[in-house]
Amino acid sequence: MSQDLATIRVTRYRPEKDSKPYFQEYKVPYRQDMVVLDALNYIKTEIDGSLTYRWSCRMGVCGSCGANIDGEPKLTCASFLHDSKVEQLPSSPWPTSP
């Protein structure tokens, strides 16, 4: 990951518009203390207001922010960007999410 920017790959799917899910890449400012949920919130407020995801407590308790991160089920509020094993962090909903 770059010192200044992190690349987040988010699964997108709009059934009325898309034939199948696809990854969309976003570049977000990187901070050492940043978790995936921070990056998703930045994308939603600063880059793409159409991005939709779930979250509630932000404290690793409720589990509503669960997603597949680096191919593993994790909580976005407890997954630090600096722990990622890849340059472009992929994020997608859990298979049980609507």
PDB file of N, CA and C in Angstrom:
ATOM      1  N   MET A   1       0.824  -1.182   0.000  1.00  0.00           N
ATOM      2  CA  MET A   1       0.000   0.000   0.000  1.00  0.00           C
ATOM      3  C   MET A   1       0.872   1.252   0.000  1.00  0.00           C
ATOM      4  N   SER A   2       0.466   2.195  -0.751  1.00  0.00           N
ATOM      5  CA  SER A   2       1.175   3.469  -0.824  1.00  0.00           C
ATOM      6  C   SER A   2       1.109   4.178   0.531  1.00  0.00           C
ATOM      7  N   GLN A   3       2.074   5.037   0.806  1.00  0.00           N
ATOM      8  CA  GLN A   3       2.066   5.811   2.051  1.00  0.00           C
ATOM      9  C   GLN A   3       0.901   6.784   2.091  1.00  0.00           C
ATOM     10  N   ASP A   4       0.477   7.272   0.921  1.00  0.00           N
ATOM     11  CA  ASP A   4      -0.534   8.319   0.872  1.00  0.00           C
ATOM     12  C   ASP A   4      -1.933   7.835   0.508  1.00  0.00           C
ATOM     13  N   LEU A   5      -2.017   6.823  -0.342  1.00  0.00           N
ATOM     14  CA  LEU A   5      -3.304   6.350  -0.819  1.00  0.00           C
ATOM     15  C   LEU A   5      -3.428   4.844  -0.668  1.00  0.00           C
ATOM     16  N   ALA A   6      -4.637   4.398  -0.411  1.00  0.00           N
ATOM     17  CA  ALA A   6      -4.948   2.968  -0.400  1.00  0.00           C
ATOM     18  C   ALA A   6      -5.970   2.719  -1.496  1.00  0.00           C
ATOM     19  N   THR A   7      -5.848   1.597  -2.185  1.00  0.00           N
ATOM     20  CA  THR A   7      -6.813   1.222  -3.204  1.00  0.00           C
ATOM     21  C   THR A   7      -7.750   0.182  -2.615  1.00  0.00           C
ATOM     22  N   ILE A   8      -9.039   0.489  -2.642  1.00  0.00           N
ATOM     23  CA  ILE A   8     -10.057  -0.419  -2.121  1.00  0.00           C
ATOM     24  C   ILE A   8     -10.875  -0.918  -3.306  1.00  0.00           C
ATOM     25  N   ARG A   9     -10.984  -2.239  -3.431  1.00  0.00           N
ATOM     26  CA  ARG A   9     -11.794  -2.851  -4.482  1.00  0.00           C
ATOM     27  C   ARG A   9     -13.084  -3.338  -3.840  1.00  0.00           C
ATOM     28  N   VAL A  10     -14.201  -2.744  -4.238  1.00  0.00           N
ATOM     29  CA  VAL A  10     -15.494  -3.035  -3.632  1.00  0.00           C
ATOM     30  C   VAL A  10     -16.371  -3.766  -4.642  1.00  0.00           C
ATOM     31  N   THR A  11     -17.023  -4.836  -4.194  1.00  0.00           N
ATOM     32  CA  THR A  11     -17.972  -5.527  -5.054  1.00  0.00           C
ATOM     33  C   THR A  11     -19.210  -4.665  -5.231  1.00  0.00           C
ATOM     34  N   ARG A  12     -19.584  -4.425  -6.464  1.00  0.00           N
ATOM     35  CA  ARG A  12     -20.781  -3.640  -6.790  1.00  0.00           C
ATOM     36  C   ARG A  12     -21.737  -4.517  -7.582  1.00  0.00           C
ATOM     37  N   TYR A  13     -23.037  -4.328  -7.365  1.00  0.00           N
ATOM     38  CA  TYR A  13     -24.036  -5.044  -8.152  1.00  0.00           C
ATOM     39  C   TYR A  13     -25.367  -4.330  -8.045  1.00  0.00           C
ATOM     40  N   ARG A  14     -25.836  -3.873  -9.166  1.00  0.00           N
ATOM     41  CA  ARG A  14     -27.161  -3.261  -9.272  1.00  0.00           C
ATOM     42  C   ARG A  14     -27.939  -4.103 -10.276  1.00  0.00           C
ATOM     43  N   PRO A  15     -28.802  -5.021  -9.776  1.00  0.00           N
ATOM     44  CA  PRO A  15     -29.455  -5.984 -10.674  1.00  0.00           C
ATOM     45  C   PRO A  15     -30.258  -5.332 -11.800  1.00  0.00           C
ATOM     46  N   GLU A  16     -30.784  -4.139 -11.565  1.00  0.00           N
ATOM     47  CA  GLU A  16     -31.547  -3.479 -12.623  1.00  0.00           C
ATOM     48  C   GLU A  16     -30.648  -2.951 -13.738  1.00  0.00           C
ATOM     49  N   LYS A  17     -29.343  -2.901 -13.467  1.00  0.00           N
ATOM     50  CA  LYS A  17     -28.400  -2.297 -14.408  1.00  0.00           C
ATOM     51  C   LYS A  17     -27.275  -3.249 -14.830  1.00  0.00           C
ATOM     52  N   ASP A  18     -26.833  -4.124 -13.927  1.00  0.00           N
ATOM     53  CA  ASP A  18     -25.667  -4.979 -14.162  1.00  0.00           C
ATOM     54  C   ASP A  18     -26.085  -6.434 -14.365  1.00  0.00           C
ATOM     55  N   SER A  19     -25.380  -7.120 -15.270  1.00  0.00           N
ATOM     56  CA  SER A  19     -25.682  -8.534 -15.500  1.00  0.00           C
ATOM     57  C   SER A  19     -25.075  -9.430 -14.422  1.00  0.00           C
ATOM     58  N   LYS A  20     -24.006  -8.958 -13.780  1.00  0.00           N
ATOM     59  CA  LYS A  20     -23.376  -9.732 -12.708  1.00  0.00           C
ATOM     60  C   LYS A  20     -22.561  -8.784 -11.825  1.00  0.00           C
ATOM     61  N   PRO A  21     -22.203  -9.222 -10.609  1.00  0.00           N
ATOM     62  CA  PRO A  21     -21.374  -8.379  -9.727  1.00  0.00           C
ATOM     63  C   PRO A  21     -20.001  -8.115 -10.348  1.00  0.00           C
ATOM     64  N   TYR A  22     -19.425  -6.980  -9.990  1.00  0.00           N
ATOM     65  CA  TYR A  22     -18.103  -6.609 -10.490  1.00  0.00           C
ATOM     66  C   TYR A  22     -17.371  -5.818  -9.401  1.00  0.00           C
ATOM     67  N   PHE A  23     -16.043  -5.740  -9.518  1.00  0.00           N
ATOM     68  CA  PHE A  23     -15.248  -4.934  -8.595  1.00  0.00           C
ATOM     69  C   PHE A  23     -15.099  -3.524  -9.144  1.00  0.00           C
ATOM     70  N   GLN A  24     -15.226  -2.551  -8.254  1.00  0.00           N
ATOM     71  CA  GLN A  24     -14.940  -1.162  -8.597  1.00  0.00           C
ATOM     72  C   GLN A  24     -13.845  -0.688  -7.657  1.00  0.00           C
ATOM     73  N   GLU A  25     -12.845  -0.019  -8.202  1.00  0.00           N
ATOM     74  CA  GLU A  25     -11.710   0.449  -7.405  1.00  0.00           C
ATOM     75  C   GLU A  25     -11.888   1.905  -7.002  1.00  0.00           C
ATOM     76  N   TYR A  26     -11.485   2.182  -5.770  1.00  0.00           N
ATOM     77  CA  TYR A  26     -11.491   3.545  -5.240  1.00  0.00           C
ATOM     78  C   TYR A  26     -10.151   3.801  -4.571  1.00  0.00           C
ATOM     79  N   LYS A  27      -9.636   4.993  -4.710  1.00  0.00           N
ATOM     80  CA  LYS A  27      -8.420   5.412  -4.008  1.00  0.00           C
ATOM     81  C   LYS A  27      -8.842   6.302  -2.850  1.00  0.00           C
ATOM     82  N   VAL A  28      -8.366   5.965  -1.661  1.00  0.00           N
ATOM     83  CA  VAL A  28      -8.714   6.737  -0.468  1.00  0.00           C
ATOM     84  C   VAL A  28      -7.439   7.162   0.254  1.00  0.00           C
ATOM     85  N   PRO A  29      -7.465   8.282   0.959  1.00  0.00           N
ATOM     86  CA  PRO A  29      -6.306   8.687   1.752  1.00  0.00           C
ATOM     87  C   PRO A  29      -6.013   7.617   2.805  1.00  0.00           C
ATOM     88  N   TYR A  30      -4.741   7.291   2.948  1.00  0.00           N
ATOM     89  CA  TYR A  30      -4.328   6.238   3.883  1.00  0.00           C
ATOM     90  C   TYR A  30      -3.777   6.838   5.172  1.00  0.00           C
ATOM     91  N   ARG A  31      -4.262   6.286   6.290  1.00  0.00           N
ATOM     92  CA  ARG A  31      -3.711   6.598   7.615  1.00  0.00           C
ATOM     93  C   ARG A  31      -3.382   5.278   8.301  1.00  0.00           C
ATOM     94  N   GLN A  32      -2.376   5.263   9.112  1.00  0.00           N
ATOM     95  CA  GLN A  32      -1.947   4.041   9.815  1.00  0.00           C
ATOM     96  C   GLN A  32      -3.053   3.460  10.690  1.00  0.00           C
ATOM     97  N   ASP A  33      -3.903   4.315  11.263  1.00  0.00           N
ATOM     98  CA  ASP A  33      -4.952   3.843  12.174  1.00  0.00           C
ATOM     99  C   ASP A  33      -6.291   3.597  11.475  1.00  0.00           C
ATOM    100  N   MET A  34      -6.303   3.572  10.153  1.00  0.00           N
ATOM    101  CA  MET A  34      -7.538   3.455   9.382  1.00  0.00           C
ATOM    102  C   MET A  34      -8.007   2.008   9.277  1.00  0.00           C
ATOM    103  N   VAL A  35      -9.305   1.790   9.542  1.00  0.00           N
ATOM    104  CA  VAL A  35      -9.915   0.476   9.348  1.00  0.00           C
ATOM    105  C   VAL A  35     -10.709   0.504   8.038  1.00  0.00           C
ATOM    106  N   VAL A  36     -11.097  -0.661   7.560  1.00  0.00           N
ATOM    107  CA  VAL A  36     -11.825  -0.759   6.294  1.00  0.00           C
ATOM    108  C   VAL A  36     -13.113   0.064   6.341  1.00  0.00           C
ATOM    109  N   LEU A  37     -13.804   0.064   7.469  1.00  0.00           N
ATOM    110  CA  LEU A  37     -15.029   0.853   7.582  1.00  0.00           C
ATOM    111  C   LEU A  37     -14.754   2.341   7.368  1.00  0.00           C
ATOM    112  N   ASP A  38     -13.631   2.841   7.863  1.00  0.00           N
ATOM    113  CA  ASP A  38     -13.258   4.243   7.612  1.00  0.00           C
ATOM    114  C   ASP A  38     -13.140   4.496   6.106  1.00  0.00           C
ATOM    115  N   ALA A  39     -12.512   3.565   5.398  1.00  0.00           N
ATOM    116  CA  ALA A  39     -12.338   3.711   3.958  1.00  0.00           C
ATOM    117  C   ALA A  39     -13.687   3.685   3.245  1.00  0.00           C
ATOM    118  N   LEU A  40     -14.575   2.774   3.641  1.00  0.00           N
ATOM    119  CA  LEU A  40     -15.902   2.712   3.033  1.00  0.00           C
ATOM    120  C   LEU A  40     -16.692   3.991   3.300  1.00  0.00           C
ATOM    121  N   ASN A  41     -16.606   4.503   4.529  1.00  0.00           N
ATOM    122  CA  ASN A  41     -17.293   5.757   4.854  1.00  0.00           C
ATOM    123  C   ASN A  41     -16.739   6.919   4.033  1.00  0.00           C
ATOM    124  N   TYR A  42     -15.425   6.944   3.828  1.00  0.00           N
ATOM    125  CA  TYR A  42     -14.817   7.987   3.003  1.00  0.00           C
ATOM    126  C   TYR A  42     -15.335   7.898   1.568  1.00  0.00           C
ATOM    127  N   ILE A  43     -15.365   6.680   1.035  1.00  0.00           N
ATOM    128  CA  ILE A  43     -15.857   6.493  -0.330  1.00  0.00           C
ATOM    129  C   ILE A  43     -17.296   6.994  -0.444  1.00  0.00           C
ATOM    130  N   LYS A  44     -18.137   6.613   0.514  1.00  0.00           N
ATOM    131  CA  LYS A  44     -19.552   7.003   0.456  1.00  0.00           C
ATOM    132  C   LYS A  44     -19.748   8.517   0.562  1.00  0.00           C
ATOM    133  N   THR A  45     -19.017   9.170   1.460  1.00  0.00           N
ATOM    134  CA  THR A  45     -19.238  10.600   1.672  1.00  0.00           C
ATOM    135  C   THR A  45     -18.482  11.489   0.692  1.00  0.00           C
ATOM    136  N   GLU A  46     -17.325  11.050   0.208  1.00  0.00           N
ATOM    137  CA  GLU A  46     -16.479  11.909  -0.609  1.00  0.00           C
ATOM    138  C   GLU A  46     -16.394  11.547  -2.090  1.00  0.00           C
ATOM    139  N   ILE A  47     -16.657  10.270  -2.425  1.00  0.00           N
ATOM    140  CA  ILE A  47     -16.423   9.836  -3.808  1.00  0.00           C
ATOM    141  C   ILE A  47     -17.694   9.350  -4.500  1.00  0.00           C
ATOM    142  N   ASP A  48     -18.419   8.434  -3.862  1.00  0.00           N
ATOM    143  CA  ASP A  48     -19.540   7.765  -4.529  1.00  0.00           C
ATOM    144  C   ASP A  48     -20.677   7.531  -3.541  1.00  0.00           C
ATOM    145  N   GLY A  49     -21.629   8.429  -3.522  1.00  0.00           N
ATOM    146  CA  GLY A  49     -22.759   8.334  -2.610  1.00  0.00           C
ATOM    147  C   GLY A  49     -23.682   7.160  -2.876  1.00  0.00           C
ATOM    148  N   SER A  50     -23.514   6.485  -4.014  1.00  0.00           N
ATOM    149  CA  SER A  50     -24.363   5.333  -4.315  1.00  0.00           C
ATOM    150  C   SER A  50     -23.870   4.050  -3.637  1.00  0.00           C
ATOM    151  N   LEU A  51     -22.685   4.073  -3.043  1.00  0.00           N
ATOM    152  CA  LEU A  51     -22.157   2.899  -2.346  1.00  0.00           C
ATOM    153  C   LEU A  51     -23.023   2.607  -1.127  1.00  0.00           C
ATOM    154  N   THR A  52     -23.423   1.353  -0.973  1.00  0.00           N
ATOM    155  CA  THR A  52     -24.283   0.960   0.133  1.00  0.00           C
ATOM    156  C   THR A  52     -23.652  -0.214   0.875  1.00  0.00           C
ATOM    157  N   TYR A  53     -23.692  -0.166   2.190  1.00  0.00           N
ATOM    158  CA  TYR A  53     -23.154  -1.218   3.047  1.00  0.00           C
ATOM    159  C   TYR A  53     -23.791  -1.059   4.421  1.00  0.00           C
ATOM    160  N   ARG A  54     -23.617  -2.069   5.261  1.00  0.00           N
ATOM    161  CA  ARG A  54     -24.204  -2.031   6.598  1.00  0.00           C
ATOM    162  C   ARG A  54     -23.134  -1.802   7.653  1.00  0.00           C
ATOM    163  N   TRP A  55     -23.510  -1.069   8.674  1.00  0.00           N
ATOM    164  CA  TRP A  55     -22.688  -0.940   9.876  1.00  0.00           C
ATOM    165  C   TRP A  55     -23.549  -0.308  10.959  1.00  0.00           C
ATOM    166  N   SER A  56     -23.156  -0.504  12.212  1.00  0.00           N
ATOM    167  CA  SER A  56     -23.961   0.037  13.296  1.00  0.00           C
ATOM    168  C   SER A  56     -23.099   0.541  14.452  1.00  0.00           C
ATOM    169  N   CYS A  57     -22.505  -0.367  15.206  1.00  0.00           N
ATOM    170  CA  CYS A  57     -21.875   0.033  16.477  1.00  0.00           C
ATOM    171  C   CYS A  57     -20.460   0.580  16.332  1.00  0.00           C
ATOM    172  N   ARG A  58     -19.725   0.157  15.315  1.00  0.00           N
ATOM    173  CA  ARG A  58     -18.341   0.575  15.079  1.00  0.00           C
ATOM    174  C   ARG A  58     -17.371   0.115  16.188  1.00  0.00           C
ATOM    175  N   MET A  59     -17.790  -0.852  16.978  1.00  0.00           N
ATOM    176  CA  MET A  59     -16.961  -1.301  18.100  1.00  0.00           C
ATOM    177  C   MET A  59     -16.692  -2.803  18.075  1.00  0.00           C
ATOM    178  N   GLY A  60     -16.981  -3.483  16.969  1.00  0.00           N
ATOM    179  CA  GLY A  60     -16.713  -4.908  16.868  1.00  0.00           C
ATOM    180  C   GLY A  60     -17.650  -5.773  17.689  1.00  0.00           C
ATOM    181  N   VAL A  61     -18.831  -5.265  18.000  1.00  0.00           N
ATOM    182  CA  VAL A  61     -19.765  -5.984  18.858  1.00  0.00           C
ATOM    183  C   VAL A  61     -20.954  -6.547  18.080  1.00  0.00           C
ATOM    184  N   CYS A  62     -21.581  -5.729  17.245  1.00  0.00           N
ATOM    185  CA  CYS A  62     -22.859  -6.112  16.639  1.00  0.00           C
ATOM    186  C   CYS A  62     -22.708  -7.042  15.436  1.00  0.00           C
ATOM    187  N   GLY A  63     -21.609  -6.941  14.697  1.00  0.00           N
ATOM    188  CA  GLY A  63     -21.383  -7.798  13.537  1.00  0.00           C
ATOM    189  C   GLY A  63     -22.046  -7.341  12.257  1.00  0.00           C
ATOM    190  N   SER A  64     -22.756  -6.222  12.279  1.00  0.00           N
ATOM    191  CA  SER A  64     -23.473  -5.805  11.069  1.00  0.00           C
ATOM    192  C   SER A  64     -22.547  -5.339   9.953  1.00  0.00           C
ATOM    193  N   CYS A  65     -21.300  -5.007  10.260  1.00  0.00           N
ATOM    194  CA  CYS A  65     -20.378  -4.521   9.227  1.00  0.00           C
ATOM    195  C   CYS A  65     -19.537  -5.647   8.619  1.00  0.00           C
ATOM    196  N   GLY A  66     -19.960  -6.880   8.791  1.00  0.00           N
ATOM    197  CA  GLY A  66     -19.200  -8.012   8.266  1.00  0.00           C
ATOM    198  C   GLY A  66     -19.079  -7.996   6.757  1.00  0.00           C
ATOM    199  N   ALA A  67     -17.897  -8.363   6.261  1.00  0.00           N
ATOM    200  CA  ALA A  67     -17.637  -8.449   4.823  1.00  0.00           C
ATOM    201  C   ALA A  67     -16.478  -9.409   4.599  1.00  0.00           C
ATOM    202  N   ASN A  68     -16.334  -9.866   3.375  1.00  0.00           N
ATOM    203  CA  ASN A  68     -15.152 -10.641   3.005  1.00  0.00           C
ATOM    204  C   ASN A  68     -14.046  -9.657   2.668  1.00  0.00           C
ATOM    205  N   ILE A  69     -12.976  -9.691   3.441  1.00  0.00           N
ATOM    206  CA  ILE A  69     -11.844  -8.792   3.258  1.00  0.00           C
ATOM    207  C   ILE A  69     -10.605  -9.651   3.063  1.00  0.00           C
ATOM    208  N   ASP A  70      -9.905  -9.415   1.983  1.00  0.00           N
ATOM    209  CA  ASP A  70      -8.771 -10.285   1.617  1.00  0.00           C
ATOM    210  C   ASP A  70      -9.215 -11.741   1.522  1.00  0.00           C
ATOM    211  N   GLY A  71     -10.474 -11.972   1.138  1.00  0.00           N
ATOM    212  CA  GLY A  71     -10.985 -13.330   0.980  1.00  0.00           C
ATOM    213  C   GLY A  71     -11.404 -14.014   2.264  1.00  0.00           C
ATOM    214  N   GLU A  72     -11.399 -13.304   3.387  1.00  0.00           N
ATOM    215  CA  GLU A  72     -11.783 -13.887   4.673  1.00  0.00           C
ATOM    216  C   GLU A  72     -12.918 -13.089   5.294  1.00  0.00           C
ATOM    217  N   PRO A  73     -13.852 -13.770   5.992  1.00  0.00           N
ATOM    218  CA  PRO A  73     -14.920 -13.033   6.663  1.00  0.00           C
ATOM    219  C   PRO A  73     -14.363 -12.262   7.864  1.00  0.00           C
ATOM    220  N   LYS A  74     -14.583 -10.947   7.857  1.00  0.00           N
ATOM    221  CA  LYS A  74     -14.068 -10.088   8.926  1.00  0.00           C
ATOM    222  C   LYS A  74     -15.055  -8.955   9.176  1.00  0.00           C
ATOM    223  N   LEU A  75     -14.859  -8.244  10.273  1.00  0.00           N
ATOM    224  CA  LEU A  75     -15.620  -7.035  10.544  1.00  0.00           C
ATOM    225  C   LEU A  75     -14.860  -5.844   9.977  1.00  0.00           C
ATOM    226  N   THR A  76     -15.536  -5.009   9.195  1.00  0.00           N
ATOM    227  CA  THR A  76     -14.844  -3.873   8.592  1.00  0.00           C
ATOM    228  C   THR A  76     -14.392  -2.871   9.642  1.00  0.00           C
ATOM    229  N   CYS A  77     -15.080  -2.822  10.801  1.00  0.00           N
ATOM    230  CA  CYS A  77     -14.711  -1.863  11.844  1.00  0.00           C
ATOM    231  C   CYS A  77     -13.484  -2.313  12.647  1.00  0.00           C
ATOM    232  N   ALA A  78     -13.084  -3.563  12.472  1.00  0.00           N
ATOM    233  CA  ALA A  78     -11.958  -4.093  13.241  1.00  0.00           C
ATOM    234  C   ALA A  78     -10.810  -4.557  12.345  1.00  0.00           C
ATOM    235  N   SER A  79     -10.896  -4.301  11.052  1.00  0.00           N
ATOM    236  CA  SER A  79      -9.873  -4.737  10.104  1.00  0.00           C
ATOM    237  C   SER A  79      -9.068  -3.527   9.628  1.00  0.00           C
ATOM    238  N   PHE A  80      -7.844  -3.443  10.099  1.00  0.00           N
ATOM    239  CA  PHE A  80      -6.980  -2.314   9.750  1.00  0.00           C
ATOM    240  C   PHE A  80      -6.424  -2.468   8.341  1.00  0.00           C
ATOM    241  N   LEU A  81      -6.356  -1.363   7.621  1.00  0.00           N
ATOM    242  CA  LEU A  81      -5.785  -1.391   6.276  1.00  0.00           C
ATOM    243  C   LEU A  81      -4.326  -1.843   6.312  1.00  0.00           C
ATOM    244  N   HIS A  82      -3.595  -1.467   7.344  1.00  0.00           N
ATOM    245  CA  HIS A  82      -2.169  -1.831   7.397  1.00  0.00           C
ATOM    246  C   HIS A  82      -1.960  -3.331   7.594  1.00  0.00           C
ATOM    247  N   ASP A  83      -3.011  -4.080   7.987  1.00  0.00           N
ATOM    248  CA  ASP A  83      -2.900  -5.528   8.131  1.00  0.00           C
ATOM    249  C   ASP A  83      -3.157  -6.278   6.829  1.00  0.00           C
ATOM    250  N   SER A  84      -3.557  -5.566   5.787  1.00  0.00           N
ATOM    251  CA  SER A  84      -3.879  -6.213   4.520  1.00  0.00           C
ATOM    252  C   SER A  84      -2.632  -6.829   3.901  1.00  0.00           C
ATOM    253  N   LYS A  85      -2.829  -7.982   3.269  1.00  0.00           N
ATOM    254  CA  LYS A  85      -1.725  -8.686   2.622  1.00  0.00           C
ATOM    255  C   LYS A  85      -1.584  -8.312   1.145  1.00  0.00           C
ATOM    256  N   VAL A  86      -2.495  -7.474   0.656  1.00  0.00           N
ATOM    257  CA  VAL A  86      -2.496  -7.149  -0.766  1.00  0.00           C
ATOM    258  C   VAL A  86      -2.426  -5.639  -0.970  1.00  0.00           C
ATOM    259  N   GLU A  87      -1.957  -5.256  -2.137  1.00  0.00           N
ATOM    260  CA  GLU A  87      -1.861  -3.831  -2.474  1.00  0.00           C
ATOM    261  C   GLU A  87      -3.236  -3.223  -2.707  1.00  0.00           C
ATOM    262  N   GLN A  88      -4.133  -4.005  -3.342  1.00  0.00           N
ATOM    263  CA  GLN A  88      -5.494  -3.544  -3.586  1.00  0.00           C
ATOM    264  C   GLN A  88      -6.423  -4.393  -2.737  1.00  0.00           C
ATOM    265  N   LEU A  89      -7.005  -3.793  -1.727  1.00  0.00           N
ATOM    266  CA  LEU A  89      -7.816  -4.534  -0.762  1.00  0.00           C
ATOM    267  C   LEU A  89      -9.197  -4.813  -1.320  1.00  0.00           C
ATOM    268  N   PRO A  90      -9.520  -6.109  -1.568  1.00  0.00           N
ATOM    269  CA  PRO A  90     -10.861  -6.429  -2.049  1.00  0.00           C
ATOM    270  C   PRO A  90     -11.842  -6.551  -0.880  1.00  0.00           C
ATOM    271  N   SER A  91     -13.029  -6.054  -1.062  1.00  0.00           N
ATOM    272  CA  SER A  91     -14.075  -6.140  -0.050  1.00  0.00           C
ATOM    273  C   SER A  91     -15.379  -6.507  -0.727  1.00  0.00           C
ATOM    274  N   SER A  92     -16.077  -7.508  -0.187  1.00  0.00           N
ATOM    275  CA  SER A  92     -17.365  -7.906  -0.738  1.00  0.00           C
ATOM    276  C   SER A  92     -18.253  -8.369   0.405  1.00  0.00           C
ATOM    277  N   PRO A  93     -19.571  -8.354   0.196  1.00  0.00           N
ATOM    278  CA  PRO A  93     -20.484  -8.744   1.267  1.00  0.00           C
ATOM    279  C   PRO A  93     -20.368 -10.227   1.583  1.00  0.00           C
ATOM    280  N   TRP A  94     -20.789 -10.595   2.790  1.00  0.00           N
ATOM    281  CA  TRP A  94     -20.852 -12.012   3.136  1.00  0.00           C
ATOM    282  C   TRP A  94     -21.916 -12.662   2.264  1.00  0.00           C
ATOM    283  N   PRO A  95     -21.744 -13.934   1.949  1.00  0.00           N
ATOM    284  CA  PRO A  95     -22.725 -14.619   1.088  1.00  0.00           C
ATOM    285  C   PRO A  95     -24.147 -14.594   1.676  1.00  0.00           C
ATOM    286  N   THR A  96     -24.277 -14.474   2.973  1.00  0.00           N
ATOM    287  CA  THR A  96     -25.599 -14.468   3.590  1.00  0.00           C
ATOM    288  C   THR A  96     -26.245 -13.087   3.622  1.00  0.00           C
ATOM    289  N   SER A  97     -25.525 -12.060   3.180  1.00  0.00           N
ATOM    290  CA  SER A  97     -26.082 -10.709   3.170  1.00  0.00           C
ATOM    291  C   SER A  97     -27.015 -10.539   1.980  1.00  0.00           C
ATOM    292  N   PRO A  98     -28.088  -9.765   2.159  1.00  0.00           N
ATOM    293  CA  PRO A  98     -29.001  -9.531   1.036  1.00  0.00           C
ATOM    294  C   PRO A  98     -28.377  -8.610   0.001  1.00  0.00           C
TER     295      PRO A  98
END
